[in-house]
Amino acid sequence: MSVRELVVLGTASQVPTRHRNHNGYLLRWDGEGILFDPGEGTQRQMLRAGVAAHDINRICVTHFHGDHALGLAGVIQRINLDRVPHPVTAHYPASGQHFFDRLRYATAYRESVELHQAPVAADGVLADTGAYTLDAHRLSHPVESYGYRLTEPDSRRMLPGRLAEHGIAGPDVGLLRRTGELRGVTLDAVSERRRGQRFAFVMDTRLCDGVYALAEGCDMLVIESTFLDEDERLATDHGHLTAGQAGRVAREAGVRHLVLTHFSQRYTEPDLFEAQARAAGFEGQLTVAQDLIRVPVPTRHH
């Protein structure tokens, strides 16, 4: 069975706490795994969460601050130690190539895995696998930062009742799907559009056009909410969002499931983040992320 879920490995901003590790998020998308922002300690969190190096097909780093990237060295070495049988592709801001190189070769080890480096230099499509398109948008942070968005292609859902009305069955269904018309019956007459799922990952940033472009129409939006609303000026100064700002983005973008994460150690009441996102008008599903939880991507619209 296909699985689409977010495995949360860490949720802390800047420094780990007793209950929150540095960042780390694995998106399971059918048979593929995309690891976002592996901070320090990610390898151990993977073990605790039941995530193996073999589960990683792609690594996406938003920017090169330590809480989002220091785990790269361990994760890359683990991929090689475990002899992952498939190539792994790494995306990260091109301006941080020297940081990636240092982390990739931080210590001596034997390379056994094909690791493709695919740095991000501008907004646009990074990969089109047929199963999904991965693209990036520039964010607003003191260092160059990009958010990532995964979009599944739209498809068609055949309607059995309409097919029966037109006497179309068996191999003719596949023929109609491929050709678009059969004996005067169009594909539109016996099917409906099935919207592809959309997932976005937005880390350290102020409000900017890239945030909204990434969030638009998402089934799941994973977004930083480092500060509470009363510290909005501090958030803006340091290039971050508040819980209320994240909630407004999700509301305006039509997000179905909002996942708040990347919390400052100054706060001890996680429920306040949800309360402020709700006060901003977001009414969809909402998760205040905790380390090691799994959050299913909402089922497809029919």
Protein backbone atom coordinates (compact mmCIF):
# COMPACT_ATOMS: atom_id res chain seq x y z
CA MET A 1 0.00 0.00 0.00
CA SER A 2 1.12 3.53 -0.71
CA VAL A 3 1.89 5.64 2.35
CA ARG A 4 1.91 9.41 2.42
CA GLU A 5 2.89 10.81 5.78
CA LEU A 6 5.21 13.22 7.53
CA VAL A 7 7.58 11.71 10.09
CA VAL A 8 8.72 14.47 12.46
CA LEU A 9 12.28 13.93 13.68
CA GLY A 10 12.90 17.28 15.39
CA THR A 11 11.07 20.55 16.04
CA ALA A 12 13.41 22.91 17.92
CA SER A 13 14.57 26.31 16.72
CA GLN A 14 18.26 27.20 17.02
CA VAL A 15 19.10 24.93 19.97
CA PRO A 16 17.74 21.54 21.05
CA THR A 17 15.84 21.26 24.33
CA ARG A 18 15.15 18.37 26.67
CA HIS A 19 12.05 17.49 24.64
CA ARG A 20 12.82 18.82 21.17
CA ASN A 21 15.67 17.81 18.87
CA HIS A 22 17.05 20.02 16.12
CA ASN A 23 14.99 20.01 12.92
CA GLY A 24 14.42 16.96 10.76
CA TYR A 25 11.40 15.82 8.73
CA LEU A 26 10.92 12.82 6.47
CA LEU A 27 8.08 12.90 3.95
CA ARG A 28 7.05 9.40 2.94
CA TRP A 29 5.47 9.66 -0.50
CA ASP A 30 4.41 6.24 -1.73
CA GLY A 31 7.68 4.35 -2.15
CA GLU A 32 9.94 7.39 -1.86
CA GLY A 33 11.34 9.34 1.09
CA ILE A 34 12.32 13.01 1.10
CA LEU A 35 14.38 14.20 4.08
CA PHE A 36 14.04 17.90 4.87
CA ASP A 37 16.51 19.96 6.93
CA PRO A 38 18.49 17.33 8.84
CA GLY A 39 19.77 19.14 11.92
CA GLU A 40 22.20 17.80 14.49
CA GLY A 41 21.05 14.48 15.95
CA THR A 42 18.92 13.49 12.96
CA GLN A 43 20.59 10.10 12.60
CA ARG A 44 19.63 9.12 16.14
CA GLN A 45 16.11 10.51 15.74
CA MET A 46 15.72 8.37 12.62
CA LEU A 47 16.51 5.30 14.71
CA ARG A 48 13.96 6.30 17.35
CA ALA A 49 11.31 6.98 14.67
CA GLY A 50 11.88 3.75 12.77
CA VAL A 51 13.34 5.48 9.73
CA ALA A 52 16.21 3.78 7.89
CA ALA A 53 18.85 5.27 5.60
CA HIS A 54 17.33 3.12 2.84
CA ASP A 55 14.14 5.19 3.15
CA ILE A 56 15.88 8.33 1.86
CA ASN A 57 15.77 9.10 -1.86
CA ARG A 58 16.11 12.87 -1.72
CA ILE A 59 17.46 15.43 0.75
CA CYS A 60 16.18 19.04 0.71
CA VAL A 61 18.00 21.69 2.76
CA THR A 62 16.30 25.08 3.03
CA HIS A 63 19.40 26.98 4.21
CA PHE A 64 22.72 26.55 5.95
CA HIS A 65 22.07 27.46 9.54
CA GLY A 66 23.25 24.74 11.93
CA ASP A 67 19.84 23.69 13.23
CA HIS A 68 18.82 22.84 9.66
CA ALA A 69 22.00 21.31 8.25
CA LEU A 70 24.52 20.05 10.82
CA GLY A 71 23.02 16.56 10.62
CA LEU A 72 23.98 16.26 6.95
CA ALA A 73 27.41 14.86 7.76
CA GLY A 74 26.01 11.97 9.79
CA VAL A 75 23.12 11.25 7.44
CA ILE A 76 25.36 11.16 4.35
CA GLN A 77 27.86 8.89 6.07
CA ARG A 78 25.03 6.61 7.25
CA ILE A 79 23.67 6.36 3.72
CA ASN A 80 27.10 5.15 2.62
CA LEU A 81 27.69 2.88 5.62
CA ASP A 82 24.38 1.12 4.98
CA ARG A 83 25.12 0.90 1.24
CA VAL A 84 21.80 2.34 0.16
CA PRO A 85 21.14 0.65 -3.21
CA HIS A 86 19.63 3.63 -5.01
CA PRO A 87 20.99 7.08 -5.90
CA VAL A 88 20.21 9.93 -3.49
CA THR A 89 19.75 13.51 -4.69
CA ALA A 90 20.56 16.51 -2.50
CA HIS A 91 19.04 19.97 -3.03
CA TYR A 92 20.31 23.05 -1.17
CA PRO A 93 20.98 26.75 -1.90
CA ALA A 94 23.76 27.04 -4.46
CA SER A 95 25.29 29.91 -2.49
CA GLY A 96 26.03 27.42 0.30
CA GLN A 97 27.97 24.96 -1.85
CA HIS A 98 31.07 25.36 0.34
CA PHE A 99 29.02 24.46 3.43
CA PHE A 100 27.62 21.37 1.71
CA ASP A 101 31.10 20.29 0.64
CA ARG A 102 32.44 20.68 4.18
CA LEU A 103 29.57 18.69 5.66
CA ARG A 104 29.74 15.96 3.03
CA TYR A 105 33.44 15.46 3.69
CA ALA A 106 33.59 16.45 7.36
CA THR A 107 35.47 13.24 8.22
CA ALA A 108 36.94 10.23 6.43
CA TYR A 109 34.60 7.47 5.22
CA ARG A 110 34.17 5.15 2.27
CA GLU A 111 31.75 6.37 -0.38
CA SER A 112 29.54 3.58 -1.68
CA VAL A 113 26.41 5.45 -2.78
CA GLU A 114 25.72 7.66 -5.77
CA LEU A 115 24.94 11.08 -4.27
CA HIS A 116 23.75 13.62 -6.83
CA GLN A 117 24.25 17.28 -5.97
CA ALA A 118 21.48 19.46 -7.40
CA PRO A 119 21.85 22.94 -5.87
CA VAL A 120 19.08 25.53 -6.09
CA ALA A 121 19.92 28.90 -7.64
CA ALA A 122 16.48 30.30 -8.51
CA ASP A 123 12.75 29.70 -8.23
CA GLY A 124 11.46 26.87 -10.37
CA VAL A 125 11.18 23.14 -10.96
CA LEU A 126 13.95 20.99 -9.50
CA ALA A 127 12.67 17.55 -10.50
CA ASP A 128 9.79 15.98 -12.41
CA THR A 129 9.57 12.29 -11.64
CA GLY A 130 6.21 11.64 -13.29
CA ALA A 131 4.79 10.83 -9.85
CA TYR A 132 5.39 14.39 -8.63
CA THR A 133 7.02 17.70 -9.45
CA LEU A 134 9.37 19.27 -6.90
CA ASP A 135 9.94 23.00 -7.10
CA ALA A 136 11.53 25.68 -4.94
CA HIS A 137 10.77 29.30 -4.05
CA ARG A 138 13.08 31.84 -2.46
CA LEU A 139 12.26 32.89 1.09
CA SER A 140 13.30 35.90 3.21
CA HIS A 141 15.95 35.11 5.83
CA PRO A 142 19.35 36.60 6.75
CA VAL A 143 21.00 33.84 4.68
CA GLU A 144 19.74 32.55 1.34
CA SER A 145 16.84 30.20 1.98
CA TYR A 146 14.42 28.24 -0.22
CA GLY A 147 11.17 26.48 0.53
CA TYR A 148 10.09 23.32 -1.29
CA ARG A 149 6.79 22.22 -2.82
CA LEU A 150 5.76 18.79 -4.08
CA THR A 151 2.86 18.59 -6.54
CA GLU A 152 1.24 15.40 -7.78
CA PRO A 153 -0.12 15.61 -11.36
CA ASP A 154 -3.88 15.80 -11.75
CA SER A 155 -5.55 12.64 -13.01
CA ARG A 156 -8.98 11.41 -14.11
CA ARG A 157 -11.40 9.37 -12.01
CA MET A 158 -13.66 7.16 -14.11
CA LEU A 159 -17.33 7.19 -13.07
CA PRO A 160 -18.81 3.65 -13.25
CA GLY A 161 -22.40 4.88 -13.52
CA ARG A 162 -21.64 7.10 -16.51
CA LEU A 163 -19.61 4.36 -18.17
CA ALA A 164 -22.55 1.96 -17.79
CA GLU A 165 -24.96 4.53 -19.25
CA HIS A 166 -22.86 4.66 -22.40
CA GLY A 167 -22.26 0.90 -22.55
CA ILE A 168 -18.51 1.19 -22.09
CA ALA A 169 -16.84 -1.66 -20.20
CA GLY A 170 -13.77 -3.88 -20.09
CA PRO A 171 -10.84 -2.96 -22.38
CA ASP A 172 -12.88 -0.11 -23.89
CA VAL A 173 -12.48 1.84 -20.63
CA GLY A 174 -8.70 1.88 -21.02
CA LEU A 175 -9.02 2.73 -24.71
CA LEU A 176 -11.26 5.69 -23.92
CA ARG A 177 -8.85 6.88 -21.22
CA ARG A 178 -5.94 6.76 -23.67
CA THR A 179 -7.64 8.27 -26.71
CA GLY A 180 -10.05 10.73 -25.08
CA GLU A 181 -13.03 9.62 -27.17
CA LEU A 182 -14.73 6.37 -28.12
CA ARG A 183 -17.79 5.93 -30.34
CA GLY A 184 -18.70 9.58 -29.84
CA VAL A 185 -18.34 9.44 -26.05
CA THR A 186 -15.75 11.84 -24.65
CA LEU A 187 -13.58 11.21 -21.61
CA ASP A 188 -15.12 14.26 -19.91
CA ALA A 189 -18.57 12.67 -20.19
CA VAL A 190 -17.63 9.60 -18.13
CA SER A 191 -14.96 10.87 -15.72
CA GLU A 192 -14.04 13.74 -13.46
CA ARG A 193 -10.79 15.50 -12.75
CA ARG A 194 -8.96 14.21 -9.69
CA ARG A 195 -6.78 16.93 -8.25
CA GLY A 196 -3.24 15.89 -7.40
CA GLN A 197 -2.05 16.28 -3.83
CA ARG A 198 0.24 19.14 -2.82
CA PHE A 199 2.74 19.40 0.02
CA ALA A 200 4.90 22.38 1.01
CA PHE A 201 7.79 22.84 3.40
CA VAL A 202 8.45 26.40 4.57
CA MET A 203 11.19 27.07 7.09
CA ASP A 204 13.03 30.15 8.35
CA THR A 205 11.49 33.18 6.67
CA ARG A 206 9.62 36.42 7.07
CA LEU A 207 6.33 36.84 5.24
CA CYS A 208 7.12 37.12 1.53
CA ASP A 209 5.75 36.16 -1.89
CA GLY A 210 7.57 32.82 -1.74
CA VAL A 211 5.65 31.76 1.39
CA TYR A 212 2.31 32.25 -0.36
CA ALA A 213 3.46 30.64 -3.61
CA LEU A 214 4.54 27.54 -1.73
CA ALA A 215 1.42 27.32 0.45
CA GLU A 216 -1.21 27.89 -2.25
CA GLY A 217 -3.79 25.09 -2.29
CA CYS A 218 -1.69 22.65 -0.25
CA ASP A 219 -3.13 19.53 1.30
CA MET A 220 -0.36 19.78 3.91
CA LEU A 221 1.76 22.81 4.80
CA VAL A 222 4.69 22.31 7.18
CA ILE A 223 5.69 25.79 8.30
CA GLU A 224 7.84 27.41 10.92
CA SER A 225 6.17 29.36 13.70
CA THR A 226 9.20 30.24 15.77
CA PHE A 227 7.54 33.04 17.73
CA LEU A 228 4.19 33.88 19.25
CA ASP A 229 2.35 36.95 17.97
CA GLU A 230 3.37 39.22 20.82
CA ASP A 231 6.97 38.87 19.59
CA GLU A 232 6.21 39.70 15.95
CA ARG A 233 8.81 42.48 15.81
CA LEU A 234 11.46 40.07 17.06
CA ALA A 235 10.33 37.52 14.49
CA THR A 236 10.64 40.00 11.64
CA ASP A 237 14.06 41.21 12.80
CA HIS A 238 15.40 37.64 12.83
CA GLY A 239 13.66 36.49 9.64
CA HIS A 240 10.95 34.30 11.15
CA LEU A 241 7.18 33.86 11.36
CA THR A 242 4.74 33.93 14.25
CA ALA A 243 1.99 31.38 14.86
CA GLY A 244 -0.65 33.91 13.85
CA GLN A 245 1.16 34.73 10.60
CA ALA A 246 1.43 31.03 9.77
CA GLY A 247 -2.29 30.63 10.46
CA ARG A 248 -3.18 33.55 8.19
CA VAL A 249 -1.03 32.18 5.39
CA ALA A 250 -2.74 28.79 5.69
CA ARG A 251 -6.21 30.37 5.75
CA GLU A 252 -5.58 32.61 2.73
CA ALA A 253 -3.88 29.82 0.77
CA GLY A 254 -6.66 27.28 1.35
CA VAL A 255 -4.44 24.79 3.18
CA ARG A 256 -6.17 21.62 4.41
CA HIS A 257 -3.73 20.49 7.12
CA LEU A 258 -1.37 22.94 8.82
CA VAL A 259 1.68 21.62 10.69
CA LEU A 260 3.37 24.18 12.94
CA THR A 261 6.98 23.58 13.97
CA HIS A 262 10.42 25.14 14.69
CA PHE A 263 9.58 26.54 18.12
CA SER A 264 11.78 28.92 20.10
CA GLN A 265 12.97 27.60 23.45
CA ARG A 266 11.56 30.73 25.10
CA TYR A 267 8.05 29.22 25.05
CA THR A 268 6.83 26.37 27.24
CA GLU A 269 3.14 26.20 26.25
CA PRO A 270 2.73 24.56 22.80
CA ASP A 271 -1.07 25.05 22.94
CA LEU A 272 -0.58 28.80 22.52
CA PHE A 273 0.72 28.26 18.97
CA GLU A 274 -2.47 26.46 17.98
CA ALA A 275 -4.62 29.09 19.70
CA GLN A 276 -2.97 31.92 17.82
CA ALA A 277 -3.15 30.12 14.46
CA ARG A 278 -6.86 29.52 15.08
CA ALA A 279 -7.38 33.15 16.13
CA ALA A 280 -5.95 34.13 12.74
CA GLY A 281 -8.89 32.34 11.11
CA PHE A 282 -7.47 28.96 10.09
CA GLU A 283 -10.21 26.31 10.41
CA GLY A 284 -8.64 23.23 8.80
CA GLN A 285 -6.74 20.38 10.41
CA LEU A 286 -3.92 21.63 12.60
CA THR A 287 -0.99 19.85 14.24
CA VAL A 288 1.49 21.40 16.65
CA ALA A 289 4.47 19.20 15.84
CA GLN A 290 6.20 17.11 18.46
CA ASP A 291 9.30 15.01 17.97
CA LEU A 292 8.71 11.49 16.59
CA ILE A 293 5.05 11.90 15.65
CA ARG A 294 3.67 10.81 12.26
CA VAL A 295 1.16 13.03 10.48
CA PRO A 296 -0.77 11.50 7.55
CA VAL A 297 -1.18 13.61 4.43
CA PRO A 298 -4.95 14.23 4.04
CA THR A 299 -6.68 11.81 1.69
CA ARG A 300 -7.24 12.98 -1.84
CA HIS A 301 -10.23 15.07 -2.86
CA HIS A 302 -12.71 13.03 -4.92
